[in-house]
Amino acid sequence: MKLIVGLGNPGTKYARNRHNIGFMALDQIASDHGFSAWKSKHQGVIAEGNFGSEKIVLLKPATFMNKSGDSVGSAMRYYKLKAEDVIVIHDEIDLEPAKVRWKSGGGHAGHNGLRSLHAHIGQEYFRVRLGVGHPGHKDAVSGYVLKDFPMADENWLDDVLRGCADGAHYLAQADGGKFMNAVALRTAPNRNDKKKETSKTHSSRLKNVPQPDNRSTFQKLKDHFT
């Protein structure tokens, strides 16, 4: 069994905040893979489903970001899970928007949700870091992550969320490589199409390049007067 946690803050006020991208990813996974309806449990809301024979519980803590560990710790004790059975999806200001990274263990880097998790369950859990960009100054971080994604971000945000859902079954296997490949198919341009387009452009340019005149002097004169 695996517990996949999305970090965020509860309530419609925060629903589209950058800080809530973890909640958004779980909503996409639940929708795309036919998970159960959300229900209140473990100081949060959960949805249940399966990837093959592996049972999966999705958890959105309702404790607010700074106390995410309370909810996750409760769920882990109930299901008798270890930290290695937990995958956490969260916003990451140290990654550019649309960038996604997989990580196992490590520090919390000042992220309050991760700080709370470290205090309750340790740091040996898996993480999906979803880049939201940095405001440019550390004093502006709090206001930045608690603002909604602008309309200009909607396209890449949709690709990232759908990519996470596409690769969700690999999360159950803790296979970060295959998960990242699934995300890349949504977020990265198709290289084969790009090569074809480059080839077409190159051929078009060649048509406009003057070709060398290899005719003999006699042939040039003949062509001129005929």
Protein backbone atom coordinates (compact mmCIF):
# COMPACT_ATOMS: atom_id res chain seq x y z
CA MET A 1 0.00 0.00 0.00
CA LYS A 2 1.11 3.55 -0.75
CA LEU A 3 0.03 6.89 0.67
CA ILE A 4 0.26 9.76 -1.82
CA VAL A 5 0.02 13.14 -0.12
CA GLY A 6 -0.63 16.49 -1.75
CA LEU A 7 0.31 19.57 0.26
CA GLY A 8 -1.83 22.70 0.39
CA ASN A 9 -4.29 24.69 2.45
CA PRO A 10 -8.00 23.75 2.79
CA GLY A 11 -10.84 25.95 1.58
CA THR A 12 -11.88 27.71 -1.62
CA LYS A 13 -9.88 30.81 -0.65
CA TYR A 14 -6.65 28.91 -1.27
CA ALA A 15 -7.78 26.49 -3.97
CA ARG A 16 -5.84 28.08 -6.88
CA ASN A 17 -2.83 29.29 -4.88
CA ARG A 18 0.64 28.25 -5.98
CA HIS A 19 1.01 26.65 -2.54
CA ASN A 20 -1.89 24.32 -3.41
CA ILE A 21 -0.43 22.70 -6.51
CA GLY A 22 -0.08 19.47 -4.50
CA PHE A 23 -3.85 19.40 -3.88
CA MET A 24 -4.44 20.12 -7.58
CA ALA A 25 -2.23 17.18 -8.61
CA LEU A 26 -4.16 14.80 -6.34
CA ASP A 27 -7.49 16.03 -7.73
CA GLN A 28 -6.22 15.25 -11.24
CA ILE A 29 -4.98 11.79 -10.24
CA ALA A 30 -8.27 10.94 -8.50
CA SER A 31 -10.31 12.12 -11.48
CA ASP A 32 -8.24 10.44 -14.19
CA HIS A 33 -7.96 7.08 -12.42
CA GLY A 34 -11.48 6.71 -11.06
CA PHE A 35 -10.69 6.93 -7.35
CA SER A 36 -13.46 7.00 -4.76
CA ALA A 37 -15.18 10.23 -3.73
CA TRP A 38 -13.27 12.32 -1.21
CA LYS A 39 -14.21 11.71 2.42
CA SER A 40 -13.04 13.20 5.72
CA LYS A 41 -10.47 11.13 7.58
CA HIS A 42 -7.06 11.51 9.28
CA GLN A 43 -7.48 15.29 9.78
CA GLY A 44 -7.87 15.69 6.06
CA VAL A 45 -9.72 14.18 3.12
CA ILE A 46 -8.85 10.93 1.39
CA ALA A 47 -9.72 9.16 -1.85
CA GLU A 48 -9.01 5.47 -2.36
CA GLY A 49 -8.15 3.45 -5.43
CA ASN A 50 -5.78 0.88 -6.90
CA PHE A 51 -2.93 0.71 -9.37
CA GLY A 52 -2.91 -2.94 -10.32
CA SER A 53 -2.81 -4.92 -7.08
CA GLU A 54 -1.42 -1.99 -5.09
CA LYS A 55 -3.89 -0.13 -2.88
CA ILE A 56 -3.46 3.66 -3.00
CA VAL A 57 -4.74 6.27 -0.59
CA LEU A 58 -4.61 9.92 -1.66
CA LEU A 59 -4.50 12.38 1.25
CA LYS A 60 -5.04 16.14 1.32
CA PRO A 61 -4.34 17.35 4.88
CA ALA A 62 -6.91 19.82 6.23
CA THR A 63 -4.61 21.02 9.00
CA PHE A 64 -3.19 23.90 6.94
CA MET A 65 0.31 23.72 5.49
CA ASN A 66 2.25 24.34 8.70
CA LYS A 67 0.72 21.30 10.41
CA SER A 68 0.64 18.86 7.48
CA GLY A 69 2.62 16.34 9.52
CA ASP A 70 -0.27 15.92 12.00
CA SER A 71 -2.52 14.56 9.25
CA VAL A 72 0.12 12.47 7.50
CA GLY A 73 1.35 10.98 10.78
CA SER A 74 -2.21 10.00 11.69
CA ALA A 75 -2.74 8.25 8.35
CA MET A 76 0.59 6.42 8.57
CA ARG A 77 -0.20 5.07 12.03
CA TYR A 78 -3.66 3.93 10.94
CA TYR A 79 -2.38 2.08 7.86
CA LYS A 80 0.82 0.94 9.60
CA LEU A 81 3.05 2.50 6.94
CA LYS A 82 6.71 3.44 6.92
CA ALA A 83 8.09 6.73 5.59
CA GLU A 84 9.24 4.88 2.45
CA ASP A 85 5.57 4.12 1.66
CA VAL A 86 4.75 7.83 1.45
CA ILE A 87 5.01 10.05 -1.65
CA VAL A 88 4.52 13.79 -1.11
CA ILE A 89 3.63 16.19 -3.95
CA HIS A 90 4.38 19.85 -3.20
CA ASP A 91 5.19 23.27 -4.62
CA GLU A 92 8.85 24.15 -5.11
CA ILE A 93 9.98 27.78 -5.44
CA ASP A 94 13.55 26.75 -6.26
CA LEU A 95 12.38 25.25 -9.55
CA GLU A 96 11.20 27.25 -12.54
CA PRO A 97 7.50 27.03 -13.40
CA ALA A 98 6.60 23.78 -15.21
CA LYS A 99 9.74 22.00 -13.99
CA VAL A 100 9.16 18.73 -12.14
CA ARG A 101 11.67 16.77 -10.10
CA TRP A 102 11.64 13.47 -8.20
CA LYS A 103 13.51 13.18 -4.93
CA SER A 104 14.03 10.70 -2.11
CA GLY A 105 14.82 12.05 1.35
CA GLY A 106 16.76 15.24 2.03
CA GLY A 107 16.09 18.50 3.85
CA HIS A 108 12.97 20.67 3.87
CA ALA A 109 14.68 23.81 2.47
CA GLY A 110 12.43 26.06 4.55
CA HIS A 111 9.17 24.67 3.16
CA ASN A 112 6.76 24.76 6.13
CA GLY A 113 4.78 21.74 5.00
CA LEU A 114 7.90 19.63 4.64
CA ARG A 115 9.24 20.99 7.94
CA SER A 116 6.12 19.66 9.66
CA LEU A 117 6.46 16.29 7.94
CA HIS A 118 10.08 16.01 9.03
CA ALA A 119 9.04 16.60 12.63
CA HIS A 120 6.40 13.86 12.53
CA ILE A 121 7.65 11.15 10.18
CA GLY A 122 11.30 11.89 9.47
CA GLN A 123 12.73 12.67 6.03
CA GLU A 124 12.92 9.29 4.30
CA TYR A 125 9.81 9.74 2.19
CA PHE A 126 9.63 10.29 -1.57
CA ARG A 127 8.81 13.67 -3.07
CA VAL A 128 7.50 15.13 -6.28
CA ARG A 129 8.67 18.75 -6.48
CA LEU A 130 6.51 20.90 -8.75
CA GLY A 131 8.20 24.14 -9.78
CA VAL A 132 6.25 27.36 -9.31
CA GLY A 133 9.14 29.82 -9.63
CA HIS A 134 10.63 32.32 -7.18
CA PRO A 135 9.45 35.91 -6.62
CA GLY A 136 13.05 37.14 -6.57
CA HIS A 137 13.42 37.99 -2.90
CA LYS A 138 12.99 35.80 0.16
CA ASP A 139 10.79 38.36 1.93
CA ALA A 140 8.25 38.08 -0.91
CA VAL A 141 7.96 34.27 -0.83
CA SER A 142 5.01 34.00 1.55
CA GLY A 143 2.83 36.41 -0.42
CA TYR A 144 3.91 34.84 -3.70
CA VAL A 145 2.96 31.23 -2.89
CA LEU A 146 -0.35 32.35 -1.37
CA LYS A 147 -1.44 34.01 -4.60
CA ASP A 148 -3.39 32.29 -7.36
CA PHE A 149 -1.70 31.10 -10.51
CA PRO A 150 -2.17 33.79 -13.18
CA MET A 151 -4.07 32.96 -16.36
CA ALA A 152 -0.77 33.02 -18.27
CA ASP A 153 0.30 29.90 -16.34
CA GLU A 154 -2.79 27.84 -17.12
CA ASN A 155 -1.35 25.95 -20.12
CA TRP A 156 1.83 24.70 -18.48
CA LEU A 157 -0.02 24.06 -15.21
CA ASP A 158 -2.55 21.84 -16.96
CA ASP A 159 0.28 19.91 -18.67
CA VAL A 160 2.09 19.36 -15.38
CA LEU A 161 -1.03 18.17 -13.54
CA ARG A 162 -2.03 15.81 -16.36
CA GLY A 163 1.55 14.55 -16.55
CA CYS A 164 1.48 13.73 -12.84
CA ALA A 165 -1.76 11.80 -13.36
CA ASP A 166 -0.31 9.99 -16.39
CA GLY A 167 2.65 8.78 -14.32
CA ALA A 168 0.81 8.22 -11.05
CA HIS A 169 0.96 4.42 -11.24
CA TYR A 170 4.77 4.70 -11.27
CA LEU A 171 4.58 6.61 -7.99
CA ALA A 172 3.08 3.49 -6.46
CA GLN A 173 6.23 1.66 -7.55
CA ALA A 174 8.50 4.49 -6.37
CA ASP A 175 9.89 4.50 -9.91
CA GLY A 176 10.96 8.11 -10.28
CA GLY A 177 12.53 7.60 -13.70
CA LYS A 178 9.39 6.29 -15.38
CA PHE A 179 7.26 8.85 -13.58
CA MET A 180 9.44 11.67 -14.92
CA ASN A 181 9.24 10.22 -18.44
CA ALA A 182 5.45 10.25 -18.26
CA VAL A 183 5.46 13.88 -17.14
CA ALA A 184 7.92 14.82 -19.88
CA LEU A 185 5.60 13.46 -22.57
CA ARG A 186 3.13 16.15 -21.49
CA THR A 187 5.48 19.02 -20.72
CA ALA A 188 8.34 18.66 -23.23
CA PRO A 189 8.02 19.32 -26.99
CA ASN A 190 7.89 16.22 -29.19
CA ARG A 191 11.45 15.80 -30.37
CA ASN A 192 10.52 13.79 -33.45
CA ASP A 193 8.11 16.49 -34.59
CA LYS A 194 10.76 19.08 -33.91
CA LYS A 195 13.26 17.18 -36.05
CA LYS A 196 10.73 16.91 -38.87
CA GLU A 197 10.01 20.62 -38.70
CA THR A 198 13.72 21.40 -38.71
CA SER A 199 14.20 19.15 -41.74
CA LYS A 200 11.34 20.87 -43.60
CA THR A 201 12.75 24.29 -42.81
CA HIS A 202 16.20 23.21 -43.99
CA SER A 203 14.79 21.84 -47.27
CA SER A 204 12.85 25.04 -47.83
CA ARG A 205 15.96 27.10 -47.35
CA LEU A 206 17.89 24.93 -49.78
CA LYS A 207 15.30 25.64 -52.48
CA ASN A 208 16.04 29.35 -52.20
CA VAL A 209 19.82 28.97 -52.40
CA PRO A 210 21.19 29.71 -55.93
CA GLN A 211 22.62 26.56 -57.47
CA PRO A 212 26.06 26.63 -59.21
CA ASP A 213 26.01 26.89 -63.02
CA ASN A 214 28.05 23.93 -64.27
CA ARG A 215 27.29 24.38 -67.99
CA SER A 216 30.16 24.67 -70.47
CA THR A 217 30.75 27.97 -72.29
CA PHE A 218 29.39 26.43 -75.52
CA GLN A 219 26.23 25.24 -73.73
CA LYS A 220 25.69 28.67 -72.17
CA LEU A 221 25.92 30.33 -75.64
CA LYS A 222 23.61 27.75 -77.14
CA ASP A 223 21.03 28.21 -74.37
CA HIS A 224 21.24 31.98 -74.73
CA PHE A 225 20.34 32.00 -78.45
CA THR A 226 17.73 29.26 -78.37
